[in-house]
Amino acid sequence: MIKPIFATAILALSAAAFAPSTASAQVGVSIVIGNAPPPPRIETLPAPRRGYVWAPGYWNWDGHRHVWAAGHWEREVVGSSWRQAEWVRDGGGWRFAPGGWVTVGGPGRVDYITVAPPPPRYERIPAPRAGYIWAPGYWDWRGNRHEWVGGSWISFASWLRLPAAAMGAA
């Protein structure tokens, strides 16, 4: 005989198999039309707003004709740049490239260091090695403080290419 708690668990698990789940897919649809968009309308640019970027208006396609979508303010996204919507010539037609935020290369966050590093540390340099140069230590800003990075020997050939004769080879 099946115990009631076990039967309830089996029933719950079998019901969960039919529960809807969230699908995760990205679908890109490009529509190419035959008629060119009208020339852009001239919009009066409003006064700048702190923390916002102006997204200019553009001609949208409603399935039958071009319809003007007026410009609007977009909340600024740090590390990104607003790319405005545009119509691009595609073969014999026109393809709409929607506007949106584009990640800008480079660091997303910059630390402005207001604390000077301590004076350089005295390092005892080991005896010279053939084919190597000494790179002295330095202070590096890491997180919220300066950390000393000790000096090291660097292969001469890794950063400078010289003819063999210049390096003492015969």
C-alpha atoms as a PDB file:
ATOM      1  CA  MET A   1       0.000   0.000   0.000  1.00  0.00           C
ATOM      2  CA  ILE A   2       1.297   3.467  -0.909  1.00  0.00           C
ATOM      3  CA  LYS A   3       1.494   5.891   1.955  1.00  0.00           C
ATOM      4  CA  PRO A   4      -0.521   9.136   1.471  1.00  0.00           C
ATOM      5  CA  ILE A   5       2.557  11.400   1.803  1.00  0.00           C
ATOM      6  CA  PHE A   6       4.405   9.425  -0.878  1.00  0.00           C
ATOM      7  CA  ALA A   7       1.391   9.544  -3.214  1.00  0.00           C
ATOM      8  CA  THR A   8       1.108  13.315  -2.702  1.00  0.00           C
ATOM      9  CA  ALA A   9       4.793  13.774  -3.551  1.00  0.00           C
ATOM     10  CA  ILE A  10       4.464  11.736  -6.759  1.00  0.00           C
ATOM     11  CA  LEU A  11       1.368  13.701  -7.748  1.00  0.00           C
ATOM     12  CA  ALA A  12       3.135  17.039  -7.134  1.00  0.00           C
ATOM     13  CA  LEU A  13       6.178  16.005  -9.149  1.00  0.00           C
ATOM     14  CA  SER A  14       4.128  14.749 -12.081  1.00  0.00           C
ATOM     15  CA  ALA A  15       2.088  17.976 -12.089  1.00  0.00           C
ATOM     16  CA  ALA A  16       5.307  20.031 -12.103  1.00  0.00           C
ATOM     17  CA  ALA A  17       6.332  18.317 -15.341  1.00  0.00           C
ATOM     18  CA  PHE A  18       3.428  20.048 -17.085  1.00  0.00           C
ATOM     19  CA  ALA A  19       3.930  23.471 -15.501  1.00  0.00           C
ATOM     20  CA  PRO A  20       4.885  26.198 -17.962  1.00  0.00           C
ATOM     21  CA  SER A  21       8.475  27.336 -17.810  1.00  0.00           C
ATOM     22  CA  THR A  22      10.054  30.570 -18.919  1.00  0.00           C
ATOM     23  CA  ALA A  23      11.664  30.248 -22.314  1.00  0.00           C
ATOM     24  CA  SER A  24      14.917  32.079 -22.814  1.00  0.00           C
ATOM     25  CA  ALA A  25      15.638  32.962 -26.405  1.00  0.00           C
ATOM     26  CA  GLN A  26      16.670  36.030 -28.293  1.00  0.00           C
ATOM     27  CA  VAL A  27      15.032  36.544 -31.628  1.00  0.00           C
ATOM     28  CA  GLY A  28      16.096  39.264 -34.011  1.00  0.00           C
ATOM     29  CA  VAL A  29      13.688  40.245 -36.753  1.00  0.00           C
ATOM     30  CA  SER A  30      14.772  42.472 -39.598  1.00  0.00           C
ATOM     31  CA  ILE A  31      12.135  43.913 -41.866  1.00  0.00           C
ATOM     32  CA  VAL A  32      13.219  45.146 -45.264  1.00  0.00           C
ATOM     33  CA  ILE A  33      10.788  47.370 -47.128  1.00  0.00           C
ATOM     34  CA  GLY A  34      10.888  48.745 -50.645  1.00  0.00           C
ATOM     35  CA  ASN A  35      10.089  52.423 -50.090  1.00  0.00           C
ATOM     36  CA  ALA A  36      12.596  54.801 -48.552  1.00  0.00           C
ATOM     37  CA  PRO A  37      11.684  56.686 -45.383  1.00  0.00           C
ATOM     38  CA  PRO A  38      10.845  60.385 -45.677  1.00  0.00           C
ATOM     39  CA  PRO A  39      13.544  62.886 -44.703  1.00  0.00           C
ATOM     40  CA  PRO A  40      13.932  63.269 -40.903  1.00  0.00           C
ATOM     41  CA  ARG A  41      11.813  65.915 -39.240  1.00  0.00           C
ATOM     42  CA  ILE A  42      13.550  68.820 -37.572  1.00  0.00           C
ATOM     43  CA  GLU A  43      12.984  68.582 -33.839  1.00  0.00           C
ATOM     44  CA  THR A  44      13.644  71.326 -31.342  1.00  0.00           C
ATOM     45  CA  LEU A  45      16.226  69.926 -28.973  1.00  0.00           C
ATOM     46  CA  PRO A  46      15.100  70.536 -25.392  1.00  0.00           C
ATOM     47  CA  ALA A  47      17.436  71.878 -22.722  1.00  0.00           C
ATOM     48  CA  PRO A  48      19.853  69.242 -21.369  1.00  0.00           C
ATOM     49  CA  ARG A  49      18.722  67.149 -18.388  1.00  0.00           C
ATOM     50  CA  ARG A  50      21.235  65.822 -15.894  1.00  0.00           C
ATOM     51  CA  GLY A  51      21.453  62.008 -16.034  1.00  0.00           C
ATOM     52  CA  TYR A  52      19.547  61.743 -19.324  1.00  0.00           C
ATOM     53  CA  VAL A  53      20.421  61.467 -23.019  1.00  0.00           C
ATOM     54  CA  TRP A  54      18.246  62.776 -25.838  1.00  0.00           C
ATOM     55  CA  ALA A  55      17.147  60.025 -28.265  1.00  0.00           C
ATOM     56  CA  PRO A  56      16.232  61.788 -31.521  1.00  0.00           C
ATOM     57  CA  GLY A  57      13.007  60.988 -33.362  1.00  0.00           C
ATOM     58  CA  TYR A  58      12.872  58.676 -36.381  1.00  0.00           C
ATOM     59  CA  TRP A  59      10.513  57.276 -38.984  1.00  0.00           C
ATOM     60  CA  ASN A  60       9.078  53.950 -37.813  1.00  0.00           C
ATOM     61  CA  TRP A  61       7.239  51.406 -40.009  1.00  0.00           C
ATOM     62  CA  ASP A  62       3.765  50.383 -38.831  1.00  0.00           C
ATOM     63  CA  GLY A  63       3.300  47.636 -41.446  1.00  0.00           C
ATOM     64  CA  HIS A  64       1.678  49.917 -44.039  1.00  0.00           C
ATOM     65  CA  ARG A  65       3.420  53.274 -43.913  1.00  0.00           C
ATOM     66  CA  HIS A  66       6.097  55.344 -42.215  1.00  0.00           C
ATOM     67  CA  VAL A  67       5.021  56.927 -38.915  1.00  0.00           C
ATOM     68  CA  TRP A  68       7.079  59.535 -37.059  1.00  0.00           C
ATOM     69  CA  ALA A  69       8.238  58.513 -33.562  1.00  0.00           C
ATOM     70  CA  ALA A  70       9.104  61.683 -31.662  1.00  0.00           C
ATOM     71  CA  GLY A  71      12.377  62.092 -29.786  1.00  0.00           C
ATOM     72  CA  HIS A  72      12.459  61.414 -26.066  1.00  0.00           C
ATOM     73  CA  TRP A  73      14.739  61.391 -23.021  1.00  0.00           C
ATOM     74  CA  GLU A  74      16.505  58.128 -22.063  1.00  0.00           C
ATOM     75  CA  ARG A  75      17.989  57.650 -18.603  1.00  0.00           C
ATOM     76  CA  GLU A  76      21.790  57.607 -18.953  1.00  0.00           C
ATOM     77  CA  VAL A  77      23.472  54.187 -18.742  1.00  0.00           C
ATOM     78  CA  VAL A  78      27.042  54.361 -17.398  1.00  0.00           C
ATOM     79  CA  GLY A  79      29.571  52.805 -19.792  1.00  0.00           C
ATOM     80  CA  SER A  80      27.184  52.950 -22.749  1.00  0.00           C
ATOM     81  CA  SER A  81      26.396  55.289 -25.594  1.00  0.00           C
ATOM     82  CA  TRP A  82      23.008  55.866 -27.244  1.00  0.00           C
ATOM     83  CA  ARG A  83      22.870  54.795 -30.890  1.00  0.00           C
ATOM     84  CA  GLN A  84      19.994  56.447 -32.694  1.00  0.00           C
ATOM     85  CA  ALA A  85      17.562  54.518 -34.885  1.00  0.00           C
ATOM     86  CA  GLU A  86      18.202  54.662 -38.629  1.00  0.00           C
ATOM     87  CA  TRP A  87      17.152  53.230 -41.965  1.00  0.00           C
ATOM     88  CA  VAL A  88      19.956  51.425 -43.799  1.00  0.00           C
ATOM     89  CA  ARG A  89      20.047  50.662 -47.536  1.00  0.00           C
ATOM     90  CA  ASP A  90      19.906  46.863 -47.862  1.00  0.00           C
ATOM     91  CA  GLY A  91      20.092  45.523 -51.410  1.00  0.00           C
ATOM     92  CA  GLY A  92      17.077  46.927 -53.224  1.00  0.00           C
ATOM     93  CA  GLY A  93      15.229  47.893 -50.052  1.00  0.00           C
ATOM     94  CA  TRP A  94      15.514  49.614 -46.688  1.00  0.00           C
ATOM     95  CA  ARG A  95      16.185  47.882 -43.362  1.00  0.00           C
ATOM     96  CA  PHE A  96      15.379  49.480 -40.011  1.00  0.00           C
ATOM     97  CA  ALA A  97      18.169  49.466 -37.400  1.00  0.00           C
ATOM     98  CA  PRO A  98      16.539  50.296 -34.052  1.00  0.00           C
ATOM     99  CA  GLY A  99      18.161  52.659 -31.614  1.00  0.00           C
ATOM    100  CA  GLY A 100      19.463  51.551 -28.255  1.00  0.00           C
ATOM    101  CA  TRP A 101      22.325  51.472 -25.782  1.00  0.00           C
ATOM    102  CA  VAL A 102      25.711  50.260 -27.023  1.00  0.00           C
ATOM    103  CA  THR A 103      28.526  49.391 -24.643  1.00  0.00           C
ATOM    104  CA  VAL A 104      31.478  51.716 -25.097  1.00  0.00           C
ATOM    105  CA  GLY A 105      34.974  50.190 -25.057  1.00  0.00           C
ATOM    106  CA  GLY A 106      37.253  50.890 -22.157  1.00  0.00           C
ATOM    107  CA  PRO A 107      36.707  50.679 -18.451  1.00  0.00           C
ATOM    108  CA  GLY A 108      33.159  50.980 -17.193  1.00  0.00           C
ATOM    109  CA  ARG A 109      34.390  52.584 -13.991  1.00  0.00           C
ATOM    110  CA  VAL A 110      37.376  54.844 -13.360  1.00  0.00           C
ATOM    111  CA  ASP A 111      38.941  55.382  -9.954  1.00  0.00           C
ATOM    112  CA  TYR A 112      40.172  58.908  -9.346  1.00  0.00           C
ATOM    113  CA  ILE A 113      42.923  58.450  -6.816  1.00  0.00           C
ATOM    114  CA  THR A 114      43.345  61.408  -4.494  1.00  0.00           C
ATOM    115  CA  VAL A 115      45.922  59.798  -2.183  1.00  0.00           C
ATOM    116  CA  ALA A 116      49.565  60.027  -3.240  1.00  0.00           C
ATOM    117  CA  PRO A 117      51.533  56.771  -3.133  1.00  0.00           C
ATOM    118  CA  PRO A 118      54.190  56.293  -0.454  1.00  0.00           C
ATOM    119  CA  PRO A 119      57.809  56.923  -1.467  1.00  0.00           C
ATOM    120  CA  PRO A 120      59.443  54.134  -3.505  1.00  0.00           C
ATOM    121  CA  ARG A 121      60.863  51.267  -1.490  1.00  0.00           C
ATOM    122  CA  TYR A 122      64.550  50.485  -1.498  1.00  0.00           C
ATOM    123  CA  GLU A 123      65.126  47.210  -3.325  1.00  0.00           C
ATOM    124  CA  ARG A 124      68.267  45.171  -3.236  1.00  0.00           C
ATOM    125  CA  ILE A 125      68.827  44.311  -6.882  1.00  0.00           C
ATOM    126  CA  PRO A 126      70.161  40.797  -7.415  1.00  0.00           C
ATOM    127  CA  ALA A 127      73.290  40.233  -9.505  1.00  0.00           C
ATOM    128  CA  PRO A 128      72.816  40.989 -13.224  1.00  0.00           C
ATOM    129  CA  ARG A 129      71.702  38.182 -15.515  1.00  0.00           C
ATOM    130  CA  ALA A 130      72.690  37.913 -19.183  1.00  0.00           C
ATOM    131  CA  GLY A 131      69.777  38.702 -21.504  1.00  0.00           C
ATOM    132  CA  TYR A 132      67.673  40.332 -18.738  1.00  0.00           C
ATOM    133  CA  ILE A 133      67.034  43.859 -17.480  1.00  0.00           C
ATOM    134  CA  TRP A 134      65.825  44.929 -14.038  1.00  0.00           C
ATOM    135  CA  ALA A 135      62.316  46.414 -13.862  1.00  0.00           C
ATOM    136  CA  PRO A 136      62.074  48.315 -10.568  1.00  0.00           C
ATOM    137  CA  GLY A 137      59.140  47.934  -8.207  1.00  0.00           C
ATOM    138  CA  TYR A 138      56.271  50.399  -8.043  1.00  0.00           C
ATOM    139  CA  TRP A 139      53.160  51.266  -6.061  1.00  0.00           C
ATOM    140  CA  ASP A 140      49.917  50.022  -7.658  1.00  0.00           C
ATOM    141  CA  TRP A 141      46.407  51.181  -6.659  1.00  0.00           C
ATOM    142  CA  ARG A 142      44.307  48.110  -5.864  1.00  0.00           C
ATOM    143  CA  GLY A 143      40.798  48.511  -4.598  1.00  0.00           C
ATOM    144  CA  ASN A 144      41.135  51.223  -1.982  1.00  0.00           C
ATOM    145  CA  ARG A 145      44.866  51.376  -1.191  1.00  0.00           C
ATOM    146  CA  HIS A 146      48.366  51.341  -2.661  1.00  0.00           C
ATOM    147  CA  GLU A 147      50.166  48.003  -2.816  1.00  0.00           C
ATOM    148  CA  TRP A 148      53.853  47.518  -3.543  1.00  0.00           C
ATOM    149  CA  VAL A 149      54.694  45.435  -6.613  1.00  0.00           C
ATOM    150  CA  GLY A 150      58.281  44.241  -6.284  1.00  0.00           C
ATOM    151  CA  GLY A 151      60.836  44.586  -9.044  1.00  0.00           C
ATOM    152  CA  SER A 152      61.762  41.672 -11.254  1.00  0.00           C
ATOM    153  CA  TRP A 153      64.054  40.610 -14.042  1.00  0.00           C
ATOM    154  CA  ILE A 154      62.508  40.881 -17.525  1.00  0.00           C
ATOM    155  CA  SER A 155      63.859  39.061 -20.550  1.00  0.00           C
ATOM    156  CA  PHE A 156      65.635  41.613 -22.730  1.00  0.00           C
ATOM    157  CA  ALA A 157      64.481  39.831 -25.889  1.00  0.00           C
ATOM    158  CA  SER A 158      60.795  39.996 -24.884  1.00  0.00           C
ATOM    159  CA  TRP A 159      60.570  43.781 -25.176  1.00  0.00           C
ATOM    160  CA  LEU A 160      63.349  44.769 -27.582  1.00  0.00           C
ATOM    161  CA  ARG A 161      64.381  43.168 -30.838  1.00  0.00           C
ATOM    162  CA  LEU A 162      68.000  43.841 -31.765  1.00  0.00           C
ATOM    163  CA  PRO A 163      70.302  42.190 -34.309  1.00  0.00           C
ATOM    164  CA  ALA A 164      72.352  39.364 -32.773  1.00  0.00           C
ATOM    165  CA  ALA A 165      75.569  41.419 -33.308  1.00  0.00           C
ATOM    166  CA  ALA A 166      74.214  44.172 -31.038  1.00  0.00           C
ATOM    167  CA  MET A 167      73.622  41.658 -28.240  1.00  0.00           C
ATOM    168  CA  GLY A 168      77.249  40.553 -28.234  1.00  0.00           C
ATOM    169  CA  ALA A 169      76.823  37.391 -30.313  1.00  0.00           C
ATOM    170  CA  ALA A 170      79.458  36.804 -32.929  1.00  0.00           C
END
